[in-house]
Amino acid sequence: MDEHERTVRAARQVDLRIGFYIHFLLFLVVCAGLLVVNLLTTPEVWWAQWPFLGWGIGVLGHALCAFGSGPNFISQWRLRKIRELTHPEATATSRRSGIAVKTIGMLLLGILIGSGGLGGYMYTLLQDAREKTRNVEASRDALDKSFRAQEARLKQLSTEKTALETTVKETKDQLGQVHSSKQAAEQALQKARNELAESQSAREAAERALAEAKKGASQ
């Protein structure tokens, strides 16, 4: 490889890395904007992670092309095709190694995409579980609050019941005292009536005795 070819390849690598820097900066700016939009519009539902995940895979691929060991994938493909056309006898071994590299790369990409999808799915399930947990905790707090209010009301009613029973007992005691006073008054009235009847009988006897005395005096 002469100096001109090395310079051309280095220039292509530098251009590719500059392109990656621009791509990565645009990725950060757009993802930050989507995150702000998500927080301001629908903070209860998170969706900004999906563009970040999908675009992040593309950024990762771009980084592998820009910073991977050796030339980028496009340059490798171009060089391989040039070698196949100029040296057809040496393409069999390189073709087998290329197939192995492609297979490993596809497997790694599939694992990466599958892991990202599974992680997003698990994240969604986790978010749903957290939301359900928050709802259950809110319902539990509401029930606890209602239970405490009912318990306080029950204590208040119990206190009012005790006060009412005390009042009823005092009223019964007062009613018993009034009934006893009524019976004593009735007994005193009956005694007075009896004494009045005796007095009247004694008066009548005295009047009769007086009348007999006057009658005897006139004879």
N, C-alpha and C. Protein backbone atom coordinates (compact mmCIF):
# COMPACT_ATOMS: atom_id res chain seq x y z
N MET A 1 0.87 -1.19 0.00
CA MET A 1 0.00 0.00 0.00
C MET A 1 0.91 1.24 0.00
N ASP A 2 0.74 2.10 -1.00
CA ASP A 2 1.59 3.27 -1.12
C ASP A 2 1.07 4.39 -0.23
N GLU A 3 1.83 5.48 -0.25
CA GLU A 3 1.49 6.62 0.60
C GLU A 3 0.18 7.27 0.19
N HIS A 4 -0.09 7.32 -1.10
CA HIS A 4 -1.34 7.95 -1.57
C HIS A 4 -2.57 7.18 -1.09
N GLU A 5 -2.47 5.86 -1.17
CA GLU A 5 -3.62 5.05 -0.74
C GLU A 5 -3.85 5.19 0.76
N ARG A 6 -2.76 5.22 1.54
CA ARG A 6 -2.90 5.39 2.98
C ARG A 6 -3.51 6.76 3.31
N THR A 7 -3.10 7.78 2.55
CA THR A 7 -3.66 9.12 2.78
C THR A 7 -5.14 9.16 2.45
N VAL A 8 -5.53 8.51 1.35
CA VAL A 8 -6.95 8.48 0.96
C VAL A 8 -7.77 7.74 2.00
N ARG A 9 -7.26 6.62 2.47
CA ARG A 9 -8.00 5.85 3.48
C ARG A 9 -8.10 6.63 4.79
N ALA A 10 -7.02 7.30 5.19
CA ALA A 10 -7.08 8.11 6.41
C ALA A 10 -8.08 9.26 6.27
N ALA A 11 -8.10 9.88 5.08
CA ALA A 11 -9.06 10.98 4.85
C ALA A 11 -10.49 10.47 4.93
N ARG A 12 -10.74 9.27 4.36
CA ARG A 12 -12.08 8.69 4.45
C ARG A 12 -12.44 8.38 5.91
N GLN A 13 -11.47 7.88 6.67
CA GLN A 13 -11.74 7.57 8.08
C GLN A 13 -12.04 8.83 8.87
N VAL A 14 -11.29 9.90 8.60
CA VAL A 14 -11.55 11.17 9.28
C VAL A 14 -12.93 11.71 8.92
N ASP A 15 -13.29 11.64 7.63
CA ASP A 15 -14.63 12.10 7.21
C ASP A 15 -15.72 11.28 7.89
N LEU A 16 -15.47 9.97 7.99
CA LEU A 16 -16.46 9.11 8.64
C LEU A 16 -16.61 9.45 10.12
N ARG A 17 -15.52 9.74 10.80
CA ARG A 17 -15.60 10.10 12.22
C ARG A 17 -16.26 11.46 12.41
N ILE A 18 -15.98 12.40 11.51
CA ILE A 18 -16.68 13.70 11.58
C ILE A 18 -18.17 13.51 11.40
N GLY A 19 -18.53 12.66 10.45
CA GLY A 19 -19.95 12.36 10.25
C GLY A 19 -20.58 11.74 11.49
N PHE A 20 -19.81 10.85 12.14
CA PHE A 20 -20.33 10.25 13.37
C PHE A 20 -20.52 11.30 14.46
N TYR A 21 -19.56 12.22 14.62
CA TYR A 21 -19.70 13.27 15.64
C TYR A 21 -20.97 14.10 15.40
N ILE A 22 -21.19 14.46 14.13
CA ILE A 22 -22.40 15.23 13.81
C ILE A 22 -23.65 14.40 14.11
N HIS A 23 -23.61 13.13 13.71
CA HIS A 23 -24.74 12.24 13.97
C HIS A 23 -25.02 12.10 15.47
N PHE A 24 -23.96 11.90 16.25
CA PHE A 24 -24.12 11.72 17.70
C PHE A 24 -24.63 13.00 18.37
N LEU A 25 -24.14 14.16 17.94
CA LEU A 25 -24.63 15.42 18.50
C LEU A 25 -26.11 15.62 18.17
N LEU A 26 -26.49 15.33 16.93
CA LEU A 26 -27.91 15.43 16.55
C LEU A 26 -28.75 14.45 17.36
N PHE A 27 -28.22 13.26 17.59
CA PHE A 27 -28.92 12.25 18.40
C PHE A 27 -29.17 12.76 19.82
N LEU A 28 -28.15 13.35 20.44
CA LEU A 28 -28.30 13.86 21.80
C LEU A 28 -29.31 15.01 21.86
N VAL A 29 -29.24 15.93 20.90
CA VAL A 29 -30.15 17.09 20.90
C VAL A 29 -31.60 16.64 20.72
N VAL A 30 -31.83 15.76 19.75
CA VAL A 30 -33.21 15.32 19.48
C VAL A 30 -33.75 14.50 20.65
N CYS A 31 -32.95 13.61 21.21
CA CYS A 31 -33.42 12.80 22.34
C CYS A 31 -33.71 13.67 23.56
N ALA A 32 -32.86 14.68 23.79
CA ALA A 32 -33.14 15.60 24.90
C ALA A 32 -34.44 16.36 24.66
N GLY A 33 -34.67 16.80 23.40
CA GLY A 33 -35.93 17.47 23.09
C GLY A 33 -37.13 16.56 23.29
N LEU A 34 -37.02 15.30 22.86
CA LEU A 34 -38.12 14.35 23.06
C LEU A 34 -38.37 14.10 24.54
N LEU A 35 -37.30 14.03 25.33
CA LEU A 35 -37.47 13.84 26.77
C LEU A 35 -38.20 15.02 27.41
N VAL A 36 -37.86 16.24 27.00
CA VAL A 36 -38.54 17.42 27.52
C VAL A 36 -40.00 17.42 27.12
N VAL A 37 -40.28 17.06 25.86
CA VAL A 37 -41.67 17.00 25.39
C VAL A 37 -42.45 15.96 26.18
N ASN A 38 -41.82 14.80 26.42
CA ASN A 38 -42.47 13.75 27.20
C ASN A 38 -42.80 14.22 28.61
N LEU A 39 -41.86 14.92 29.25
CA LEU A 39 -42.08 15.40 30.61
C LEU A 39 -43.16 16.47 30.67
N LEU A 40 -43.23 17.31 29.65
CA LEU A 40 -44.18 18.43 29.68
C LEU A 40 -45.58 18.03 29.25
N THR A 41 -45.70 17.08 28.32
CA THR A 41 -47.02 16.74 27.77
C THR A 41 -47.65 15.53 28.48
N THR A 42 -46.93 14.43 28.53
CA THR A 42 -47.49 13.20 29.14
C THR A 42 -46.51 12.62 30.14
N PRO A 43 -46.37 13.26 31.32
CA PRO A 43 -45.41 12.72 32.30
C PRO A 43 -45.84 11.39 32.89
N GLU A 44 -47.14 11.06 32.78
CA GLU A 44 -47.58 9.79 33.34
C GLU A 44 -47.29 8.60 32.43
N VAL A 45 -46.99 8.85 31.16
CA VAL A 45 -46.68 7.78 30.20
C VAL A 45 -45.33 8.08 29.58
N TRP A 46 -44.39 7.13 29.73
CA TRP A 46 -43.05 7.32 29.18
C TRP A 46 -42.97 6.64 27.82
N TRP A 47 -42.64 7.42 26.79
CA TRP A 47 -42.45 6.89 25.44
C TRP A 47 -41.14 7.35 24.80
N ALA A 48 -40.41 8.26 25.46
CA ALA A 48 -39.18 8.80 24.87
C ALA A 48 -38.08 7.76 24.78
N GLN A 49 -38.18 6.66 25.53
CA GLN A 49 -37.11 5.66 25.50
C GLN A 49 -37.11 4.87 24.19
N TRP A 50 -38.27 4.79 23.52
CA TRP A 50 -38.32 3.99 22.29
C TRP A 50 -37.54 4.64 21.14
N PRO A 51 -37.74 5.95 20.84
CA PRO A 51 -36.87 6.57 19.84
C PRO A 51 -35.40 6.53 20.24
N PHE A 52 -35.13 6.71 21.52
CA PHE A 52 -33.74 6.65 22.00
C PHE A 52 -33.14 5.27 21.75
N LEU A 53 -33.92 4.22 22.01
CA LEU A 53 -33.42 2.85 21.82
C LEU A 53 -33.20 2.54 20.34
N GLY A 54 -34.22 2.85 19.52
CA GLY A 54 -34.09 2.55 18.09
C GLY A 54 -32.98 3.32 17.42
N TRP A 55 -32.93 4.62 17.67
CA TRP A 55 -31.90 5.44 17.06
C TRP A 55 -30.53 5.11 17.66
N GLY A 56 -30.51 4.72 18.94
CA GLY A 56 -29.24 4.37 19.58
C GLY A 56 -28.56 3.20 18.91
N ILE A 57 -29.36 2.24 18.40
CA ILE A 57 -28.77 1.11 17.68
C ILE A 57 -28.06 1.60 16.41
N GLY A 58 -28.72 2.55 15.72
CA GLY A 58 -28.08 3.13 14.53
C GLY A 58 -26.82 3.89 14.87
N VAL A 59 -26.84 4.64 15.98
CA VAL A 59 -25.64 5.37 16.41
C VAL A 59 -24.52 4.40 16.78
N LEU A 60 -24.89 3.29 17.42
CA LEU A 60 -23.88 2.29 17.77
C LEU A 60 -23.25 1.68 16.52
N GLY A 61 -24.07 1.39 15.52
CA GLY A 61 -23.52 0.89 14.26
C GLY A 61 -22.61 1.90 13.58
N HIS A 62 -23.03 3.16 13.63
CA HIS A 62 -22.19 4.21 13.05
C HIS A 62 -20.86 4.31 13.80
N ALA A 63 -20.90 4.15 15.15
CA ALA A 63 -19.67 4.20 15.93
C ALA A 63 -18.75 3.04 15.60
N LEU A 64 -19.33 1.85 15.37
CA LEU A 64 -18.51 0.71 14.99
C LEU A 64 -17.83 0.93 13.65
N CYS A 65 -18.54 1.59 12.74
CA CYS A 65 -17.94 1.89 11.43
C CYS A 65 -16.85 2.94 11.56
N ALA A 66 -17.07 3.93 12.42
CA ALA A 66 -16.13 5.05 12.50
C ALA A 66 -14.92 4.74 13.36
N PHE A 67 -15.08 3.95 14.42
CA PHE A 67 -14.00 3.72 15.37
C PHE A 67 -13.58 2.26 15.47
N GLY A 68 -14.17 1.39 14.63
CA GLY A 68 -13.77 -0.01 14.65
C GLY A 68 -12.35 -0.19 14.15
N SER A 69 -11.77 -1.31 14.50
CA SER A 69 -10.40 -1.57 14.07
C SER A 69 -10.37 -1.80 12.57
N GLY A 70 -9.46 -1.16 11.89
CA GLY A 70 -9.35 -1.31 10.44
C GLY A 70 -10.30 -0.38 9.73
N PRO A 71 -10.45 -0.46 8.43
CA PRO A 71 -11.33 0.41 7.65
C PRO A 71 -12.78 0.14 7.96
N ASN A 72 -13.63 1.06 7.55
CA ASN A 72 -15.06 0.90 7.81
C ASN A 72 -15.64 -0.18 6.92
N PHE A 73 -16.91 -0.54 7.19
CA PHE A 73 -17.55 -1.63 6.48
C PHE A 73 -17.68 -1.37 4.98
N ILE A 74 -17.99 -0.14 4.63
CA ILE A 74 -18.16 0.17 3.20
C ILE A 74 -16.82 0.05 2.47
N SER A 75 -15.78 0.60 3.13
CA SER A 75 -14.46 0.48 2.49
C SER A 75 -14.01 -0.97 2.42
N GLN A 76 -14.29 -1.74 3.43
CA GLN A 76 -13.95 -3.17 3.40
C GLN A 76 -14.67 -3.88 2.25
N TRP A 77 -15.94 -3.54 2.09
CA TRP A 77 -16.69 -4.18 1.00
C TRP A 77 -16.12 -3.81 -0.36
N ARG A 78 -15.78 -2.53 -0.51
CA ARG A 78 -15.22 -2.07 -1.79
C ARG A 78 -13.88 -2.76 -2.06
N LEU A 79 -13.01 -2.81 -1.02
CA LEU A 79 -11.72 -3.46 -1.21
C LEU A 79 -11.89 -4.95 -1.51
N ARG A 80 -12.84 -5.60 -0.81
CA ARG A 80 -13.05 -7.03 -1.07
C ARG A 80 -13.51 -7.29 -2.50
N LYS A 81 -14.40 -6.43 -3.01
CA LYS A 81 -14.86 -6.61 -4.38
C LYS A 81 -13.73 -6.37 -5.37
N ILE A 82 -12.89 -5.38 -5.06
CA ILE A 82 -11.76 -5.13 -5.96
C ILE A 82 -10.82 -6.33 -5.99
N ARG A 83 -10.56 -6.91 -4.79
CA ARG A 83 -9.70 -8.09 -4.75
C ARG A 83 -10.33 -9.28 -5.47
N GLU A 84 -11.65 -9.44 -5.34
CA GLU A 84 -12.31 -10.56 -6.02
C GLU A 84 -12.20 -10.42 -7.53
N LEU A 85 -12.30 -9.19 -8.02
CA LEU A 85 -12.22 -8.99 -9.47
C LEU A 85 -10.79 -9.08 -9.99
N THR A 86 -9.82 -8.64 -9.17
CA THR A 86 -8.43 -8.67 -9.63
C THR A 86 -7.72 -9.97 -9.30
N HIS A 87 -8.10 -10.67 -8.23
CA HIS A 87 -7.48 -11.93 -7.83
C HIS A 87 -8.58 -12.96 -7.51
N PRO A 88 -9.23 -13.51 -8.50
CA PRO A 88 -10.34 -14.47 -8.27
C PRO A 88 -9.89 -15.73 -7.57
N GLU A 89 -8.59 -16.13 -7.67
CA GLU A 89 -8.14 -17.37 -7.05
C GLU A 89 -8.03 -17.25 -5.54
N ALA A 90 -7.95 -16.01 -5.01
CA ALA A 90 -7.78 -15.85 -3.56
C ALA A 90 -9.07 -15.46 -2.85
N THR A 91 -10.15 -15.55 -3.59
CA THR A 91 -11.42 -15.10 -2.99
C THR A 91 -12.13 -16.17 -2.18
N ALA A 92 -11.79 -17.45 -2.40
CA ALA A 92 -12.53 -18.52 -1.72
C ALA A 92 -12.31 -18.46 -0.21
N THR A 93 -11.03 -18.34 0.21
CA THR A 93 -10.73 -18.29 1.64
C THR A 93 -11.29 -17.03 2.28
N SER A 94 -11.11 -15.92 1.62
CA SER A 94 -11.63 -14.66 2.17
C SER A 94 -13.15 -14.65 2.21
N ARG A 95 -13.76 -15.34 1.22
CA ARG A 95 -15.22 -15.40 1.22
C ARG A 95 -15.73 -16.18 2.41
N ARG A 96 -15.05 -17.31 2.73
CA ARG A 96 -15.48 -18.08 3.90
C ARG A 96 -15.30 -17.28 5.19
N SER A 97 -14.18 -16.60 5.31
CA SER A 97 -13.98 -15.77 6.50
C SER A 97 -14.97 -14.62 6.55
N GLY A 98 -15.29 -14.08 5.37
CA GLY A 98 -16.29 -13.01 5.35
C GLY A 98 -17.66 -13.50 5.77
N ILE A 99 -18.02 -14.70 5.35
CA ILE A 99 -19.32 -15.27 5.75
C ILE A 99 -19.35 -15.49 7.26
N ALA A 100 -18.21 -15.98 7.80
CA ALA A 100 -18.17 -16.18 9.26
C ALA A 100 -18.30 -14.86 10.00
N VAL A 101 -17.60 -13.85 9.49
CA VAL A 101 -17.69 -12.53 10.14
C VAL A 101 -19.11 -11.98 10.04
N LYS A 102 -19.72 -12.14 8.87
CA LYS A 102 -21.10 -11.66 8.71
C LYS A 102 -22.05 -12.40 9.65
N THR A 103 -21.85 -13.72 9.77
CA THR A 103 -22.73 -14.49 10.65
C THR A 103 -22.60 -14.03 12.10
N ILE A 104 -21.35 -13.86 12.53
CA ILE A 104 -21.13 -13.39 13.90
C ILE A 104 -21.71 -12.00 14.09
N GLY A 105 -21.51 -11.14 13.08
CA GLY A 105 -22.06 -9.79 13.18
C GLY A 105 -23.58 -9.79 13.25
N MET A 106 -24.23 -10.63 12.41
CA MET A 106 -25.69 -10.73 12.45
C MET A 106 -26.18 -11.27 13.78
N LEU A 107 -25.44 -12.26 14.31
CA LEU A 107 -25.83 -12.79 15.62
C LEU A 107 -25.73 -11.72 16.70
N LEU A 108 -24.61 -10.98 16.68
CA LEU A 108 -24.44 -9.93 17.68
C LEU A 108 -25.51 -8.84 17.52
N LEU A 109 -25.80 -8.48 16.27
CA LEU A 109 -26.84 -7.47 16.04
C LEU A 109 -28.21 -7.97 16.48
N GLY A 110 -28.49 -9.27 16.19
CA GLY A 110 -29.76 -9.84 16.63
C GLY A 110 -29.87 -9.87 18.15
N ILE A 111 -28.75 -10.24 18.80
CA ILE A 111 -28.75 -10.25 20.27
C ILE A 111 -28.97 -8.85 20.81
N LEU A 112 -28.31 -7.86 20.18
CA LEU A 112 -28.45 -6.48 20.64
C LEU A 112 -29.88 -5.98 20.47
N ILE A 113 -30.44 -6.24 19.28
CA ILE A 113 -31.83 -5.80 19.04
C ILE A 113 -32.80 -6.54 19.96
N GLY A 114 -32.59 -7.86 20.10
CA GLY A 114 -33.47 -8.62 21.00
C GLY A 114 -33.36 -8.16 22.44
N SER A 115 -32.13 -7.87 22.87
CA SER A 115 -31.95 -7.38 24.24
C SER A 115 -32.61 -6.02 24.42
N GLY A 116 -32.47 -5.16 23.40
CA GLY A 116 -33.13 -3.85 23.49
C GLY A 116 -34.64 -3.97 23.54
N GLY A 117 -35.19 -4.85 22.65
CA GLY A 117 -36.64 -5.03 22.67
C GLY A 117 -37.13 -5.63 23.97
N LEU A 118 -36.38 -6.65 24.46
CA LEU A 118 -36.78 -7.26 25.73
C LEU A 118 -36.65 -6.27 26.88
N GLY A 119 -35.58 -5.47 26.84
CA GLY A 119 -35.43 -4.46 27.89
C GLY A 119 -36.56 -3.44 27.86
N GLY A 120 -36.96 -3.02 26.64
CA GLY A 120 -38.08 -2.08 26.54
C GLY A 120 -39.39 -2.70 27.02
N TYR A 121 -39.59 -3.98 26.67
CA TYR A 121 -40.80 -4.67 27.12
C TYR A 121 -40.82 -4.81 28.64
N MET A 122 -39.67 -5.19 29.20
CA MET A 122 -39.60 -5.31 30.66
C MET A 122 -39.76 -3.94 31.33
N TYR A 123 -39.23 -2.92 30.67
CA TYR A 123 -39.40 -1.57 31.23
C TYR A 123 -40.87 -1.17 31.23
N THR A 124 -41.58 -1.50 30.14
CA THR A 124 -43.01 -1.21 30.09
C THR A 124 -43.77 -1.97 31.17
N LEU A 125 -43.43 -3.26 31.34
CA LEU A 125 -44.09 -4.03 32.39
C LEU A 125 -43.78 -3.45 33.77
N LEU A 126 -42.54 -3.02 33.94
CA LEU A 126 -42.16 -2.43 35.23
C LEU A 126 -42.91 -1.13 35.48
N GLN A 127 -43.07 -0.32 34.43
CA GLN A 127 -43.83 0.93 34.57
C GLN A 127 -45.29 0.64 34.92
N ASP A 128 -45.87 -0.36 34.23
CA ASP A 128 -47.26 -0.73 34.54
C ASP A 128 -47.38 -1.23 35.98
N ALA A 129 -46.40 -2.05 36.40
CA ALA A 129 -46.45 -2.55 37.78
C ALA A 129 -46.31 -1.41 38.77
N ARG A 130 -45.43 -0.46 38.48
CA ARG A 130 -45.29 0.69 39.38
C ARG A 130 -46.57 1.51 39.43
N GLU A 131 -47.21 1.70 38.26
CA GLU A 131 -48.46 2.47 38.23
C GLU A 131 -49.55 1.75 39.02
N LYS A 132 -49.65 0.44 38.85
CA LYS A 132 -50.63 -0.33 39.62
C LYS A 132 -50.32 -0.27 41.11
N THR A 133 -49.03 -0.33 41.44
CA THR A 133 -48.64 -0.25 42.86
C THR A 133 -49.02 1.10 43.44
N ARG A 134 -48.78 2.18 42.66
CA ARG A 134 -49.17 3.51 43.14
C ARG A 134 -50.68 3.61 43.32
N ASN A 135 -51.45 3.03 42.38
CA ASN A 135 -52.91 3.06 42.52
C ASN A 135 -53.37 2.28 43.73
N VAL A 136 -52.74 1.10 43.95
CA VAL A 136 -53.12 0.29 45.12
C VAL A 136 -52.77 1.03 46.41
N GLU A 137 -51.60 1.66 46.43
CA GLU A 137 -51.21 2.41 47.62
C GLU A 137 -52.14 3.60 47.86
N ALA A 138 -52.56 4.27 46.76
CA ALA A 138 -53.51 5.39 46.92
C ALA A 138 -54.84 4.88 47.45
N SER A 139 -55.32 3.73 46.92
CA SER A 139 -56.57 3.16 47.42
C SER A 139 -56.44 2.74 48.88
N ARG A 140 -55.28 2.18 49.22
CA ARG A 140 -55.06 1.77 50.61
C ARG A 140 -55.04 2.98 51.54
N ASP A 141 -54.39 4.05 51.10
CA ASP A 141 -54.37 5.27 51.92
C ASP A 141 -55.77 5.84 52.10
N ALA A 142 -56.56 5.81 50.99
CA ALA A 142 -57.94 6.30 51.09
C ALA A 142 -58.76 5.45 52.05
N LEU A 143 -58.58 4.12 51.97
CA LEU A 143 -59.30 3.23 52.89
C LEU A 143 -58.87 3.45 54.33
N ASP A 144 -57.56 3.63 54.54
CA ASP A 144 -57.07 3.90 55.90
C ASP A 144 -57.65 5.20 56.44
N LYS A 145 -57.70 6.20 55.59
CA LYS A 145 -58.26 7.49 56.01
C LYS A 145 -59.73 7.35 56.35
N SER A 146 -60.47 6.62 55.49
CA SER A 146 -61.89 6.40 55.76
C SER A 146 -62.09 5.59 57.03
N PHE A 147 -61.23 4.58 57.23
CA PHE A 147 -61.33 3.76 58.44
C PHE A 147 -61.07 4.59 59.69
N ARG A 148 -60.05 5.46 59.62
CA ARG A 148 -59.76 6.32 60.78
C ARG A 148 -60.91 7.28 61.06
N ALA A 149 -61.53 7.80 59.99
CA ALA A 149 -62.66 8.70 60.18
C ALA A 149 -63.85 7.95 60.80
N GLN A 150 -64.11 6.72 60.31
CA GLN A 150 -65.20 5.93 60.88
C GLN A 150 -64.91 5.56 62.33
N GLU A 151 -63.65 5.25 62.64
CA GLU A 151 -63.28 4.93 64.02
C GLU A 151 -63.46 6.12 64.94
N ALA A 152 -63.06 7.31 64.45
CA ALA A 152 -63.26 8.52 65.26
C ALA A 152 -64.75 8.80 65.46
N ARG A 153 -65.55 8.60 64.39
CA ARG A 153 -66.99 8.79 64.51
C ARG A 153 -67.60 7.79 65.49
N LEU A 154 -67.10 6.54 65.46
CA LEU A 154 -67.61 5.52 66.39
C LEU A 154 -67.27 5.89 67.83
N LYS A 155 -66.06 6.40 68.06
CA LYS A 155 -65.70 6.84 69.40
C LYS A 155 -66.58 7.99 69.86
N GLN A 156 -66.86 8.91 68.96
CA GLN A 156 -67.72 10.04 69.30
C GLN A 156 -69.13 9.57 69.65
N LEU A 157 -69.66 8.62 68.84
CA LEU A 157 -70.99 8.09 69.13
C LEU A 157 -71.00 7.32 70.45
N SER A 158 -69.91 6.60 70.74
CA SER A 158 -69.84 5.88 72.01
C SER A 158 -69.83 6.86 73.19
N THR A 159 -69.10 7.96 73.04
CA THR A 159 -69.09 8.97 74.10
C THR A 159 -70.46 9.59 74.28
N GLU A 160 -71.12 9.91 73.14
CA GLU A 160 -72.47 10.47 73.23
C GLU A 160 -73.44 9.48 73.86
N LYS A 161 -73.28 8.18 73.55
CA LYS A 161 -74.14 7.16 74.14
C LYS A 161 -73.95 7.09 75.65
N THR A 162 -72.67 7.12 76.07
CA THR A 162 -72.38 7.09 77.52
C THR A 162 -72.99 8.29 78.23
N ALA A 163 -72.86 9.48 77.61
CA ALA A 163 -73.43 10.69 78.21
C ALA A 163 -74.96 10.59 78.27
N LEU A 164 -75.58 10.04 77.21
CA LEU A 164 -77.03 9.89 77.19
C LEU A 164 -77.49 8.89 78.24
N GLU A 165 -76.75 7.79 78.40
CA GLU A 165 -77.11 6.82 79.43
C GLU A 165 -77.00 7.43 80.82
N THR A 166 -75.96 8.25 81.03
CA THR A 166 -75.82 8.92 82.33
C THR A 166 -76.99 9.86 82.57
N THR A 167 -77.38 10.60 81.52
CA THR A 167 -78.52 11.52 81.66
C THR A 167 -79.81 10.76 81.95
N VAL A 168 -80.01 9.63 81.26
CA VAL A 168 -81.22 8.83 81.48
C VAL A 168 -81.23 8.29 82.91
N LYS A 169 -80.07 7.84 83.38
CA LYS A 169 -80.00 7.33 84.75
C LYS A 169 -80.31 8.43 85.77
N GLU A 170 -79.75 9.61 85.55
CA GLU A 170 -80.04 10.72 86.46
C GLU A 170 -81.52 11.08 86.42
N THR A 171 -82.10 11.06 85.21
CA THR A 171 -83.53 11.36 85.09
C THR A 171 -84.38 10.33 85.82
N LYS A 172 -83.99 9.04 85.70
CA LYS A 172 -84.72 7.99 86.42
C LYS A 172 -84.62 8.19 87.94
N ASP A 173 -83.41 8.57 88.40
CA ASP A 173 -83.24 8.81 89.84
C ASP A 173 -84.12 9.97 90.30
N GLN A 174 -84.12 11.04 89.49
CA GLN A 174 -84.97 12.18 89.85
C GLN A 174 -86.44 11.80 89.81
N LEU A 175 -86.83 10.99 88.82
CA LEU A 175 -88.22 10.55 88.74
C LEU A 175 -88.58 9.69 89.95
N GLY A 176 -87.63 8.83 90.41
CA GLY A 176 -87.90 8.03 91.60
C GLY A 176 -88.05 8.91 92.83
N GLN A 177 -87.22 9.95 92.93
CA GLN A 177 -87.35 10.87 94.06
C GLN A 177 -88.69 11.60 94.02
N VAL A 178 -89.10 12.02 92.83
CA VAL A 178 -90.41 12.69 92.71
C VAL A 178 -91.53 11.75 93.09
N HIS A 179 -91.41 10.47 92.64
CA HIS A 179 -92.45 9.49 92.98
C HIS A 179 -92.50 9.26 94.50
N SER A 180 -91.32 9.19 95.14
CA SER A 180 -91.30 9.03 96.60
C SER A 180 -91.90 10.24 97.30
N SER A 181 -91.57 11.43 96.78
CA SER A 181 -92.15 12.66 97.36
C SER A 181 -93.66 12.69 97.18
N LYS A 182 -94.13 12.21 96.02
CA LYS A 182 -95.58 12.16 95.77
C LYS A 182 -96.27 11.23 96.75
N GLN A 183 -95.67 10.03 96.97
CA GLN A 183 -96.26 9.09 97.92
C GLN A 183 -96.28 9.66 99.33
N ALA A 184 -95.20 10.34 99.75
CA ALA A 184 -95.17 10.95 101.09
C ALA A 184 -96.23 12.04 101.22
N ALA A 185 -96.41 12.84 100.14
CA ALA A 185 -97.43 13.89 100.17
C ALA A 185 -98.82 13.29 100.25
N GLU A 186 -99.06 12.19 99.50
CA GLU A 186 -100.36 11.54 99.55
C GLU A 186 -100.63 10.99 100.96
N GLN A 187 -99.58 10.38 101.56
CA GLN A 187 -99.77 9.87 102.92
C GLN A 187 -100.06 11.01 103.91
N ALA A 188 -99.35 12.12 103.77
CA ALA A 188 -99.61 13.27 104.66
C ALA A 188 -101.00 13.82 104.44
N LEU A 189 -101.46 13.87 103.18
CA LEU A 189 -102.81 14.36 102.89
C LEU A 189 -103.87 13.43 103.48
N GLN A 190 -103.65 12.12 103.36
CA GLN A 190 -104.60 11.17 103.93
C GLN A 190 -104.66 11.30 105.45
N LYS A 191 -103.48 11.49 106.07
CA LYS A 191 -103.44 11.67 107.52
C LYS A 191 -104.18 12.94 107.93
N ALA A 192 -103.99 14.00 107.13
CA ALA A 192 -104.69 15.26 107.44
C ALA A 192 -106.20 15.08 107.30
N ARG A 193 -106.62 14.34 106.28
CA ARG A 193 -108.05 14.08 106.10
C ARG A 193 -108.62 13.30 107.30
N ASN A 194 -107.85 12.28 107.72
CA ASN A 194 -108.32 11.51 108.87
C ASN A 194 -108.43 12.39 110.12
N GLU A 195 -107.41 13.23 110.33
CA GLU A 195 -107.46 14.13 111.48
C GLU A 195 -108.63 15.10 111.36
N LEU A 196 -108.90 15.57 110.12
CA LEU A 196 -110.03 16.48 109.92
C LEU A 196 -111.36 15.78 110.22
N ALA A 197 -111.46 14.51 109.80
CA ALA A 197 -112.69 13.75 110.06
C ALA A 197 -112.87 13.54 111.56
N GLU A 198 -111.80 13.25 112.27
CA GLU A 198 -111.88 13.07 113.72
C GLU A 198 -112.28 14.38 114.40
N SER A 199 -111.70 15.47 113.90
CA SER A 199 -112.05 16.78 114.47
C SER A 199 -113.52 17.09 114.25
N GLN A 200 -113.99 16.78 113.07
CA GLN A 200 -115.40 17.04 112.76
C GLN A 200 -116.32 16.16 113.64
N SER A 201 -115.91 14.91 113.84
CA SER A 201 -116.72 14.02 114.71
C SER A 201 -116.74 14.54 116.14
N ALA A 202 -115.56 15.01 116.60
CA ALA A 202 -115.49 15.56 117.96
C ALA A 202 -116.33 16.81 118.07
N ARG A 203 -116.37 17.63 117.04
CA ARG A 203 -117.19 18.84 117.05
C ARG A 203 -118.67 18.49 117.12
N GLU A 204 -119.04 17.53 116.27
CA GLU A 204 -120.44 17.14 116.30
C GLU A 204 -120.84 16.60 117.68
N ALA A 205 -119.95 15.79 118.28
CA ALA A 205 -120.25 15.27 119.63
C ALA A 205 -120.35 16.40 120.64
N ALA A 206 -119.48 17.40 120.51
CA ALA A 206 -119.52 18.55 121.41
C ALA A 206 -120.79 19.34 121.21
N GLU A 207 -121.23 19.51 119.98
CA GLU A 207 -122.47 20.24 119.70
C GLU A 207 -123.67 19.49 120.29
N ARG A 208 -123.68 18.17 120.17
CA ARG A 208 -124.79 17.42 120.72
C ARG A 208 -124.81 17.52 122.25
N ALA A 209 -123.55 17.43 122.81
CA ALA A 209 -123.50 17.56 124.28
C ALA A 209 -123.96 18.95 124.74
N LEU A 210 -123.63 19.98 123.99
CA LEU A 210 -124.03 21.33 124.31
C LEU A 210 -125.56 21.47 124.21
N ALA A 211 -126.10 20.86 123.16
CA ALA A 211 -127.55 20.95 122.98
C ALA A 211 -128.26 20.22 124.11
N GLU A 212 -127.78 19.11 124.53
CA GLU A 212 -128.42 18.37 125.65
C GLU A 212 -128.28 19.18 126.95
N ALA A 213 -127.13 19.82 127.09
CA ALA A 213 -126.94 20.63 128.32
C ALA A 213 -127.91 21.81 128.35
N LYS A 214 -128.12 22.44 127.23
CA LYS A 214 -129.07 23.55 127.18
C LYS A 214 -130.47 23.06 127.42
N LYS A 215 -130.80 21.91 126.88
CA LYS A 215 -132.14 21.37 127.06
C LYS A 215 -132.37 21.03 128.53
N GLY A 216 -131.41 20.46 129.20
CA GLY A 216 -131.55 20.14 130.62
C GLY A 216 -131.63 21.40 131.50
N ALA A 217 -130.99 22.46 131.13
CA ALA A 217 -131.01 23.70 131.87
C ALA A 217 -132.36 24.38 131.76
N SER A 218 -133.03 24.25 130.63
CA SER A 218 -134.32 24.89 130.43
C SER A 218 -135.40 24.15 131.18
N GLN A 219 -135.31 22.90 131.46
CA GLN A 219 -136.30 22.16 132.20
C GLN A 219 -136.16 22.46 133.68
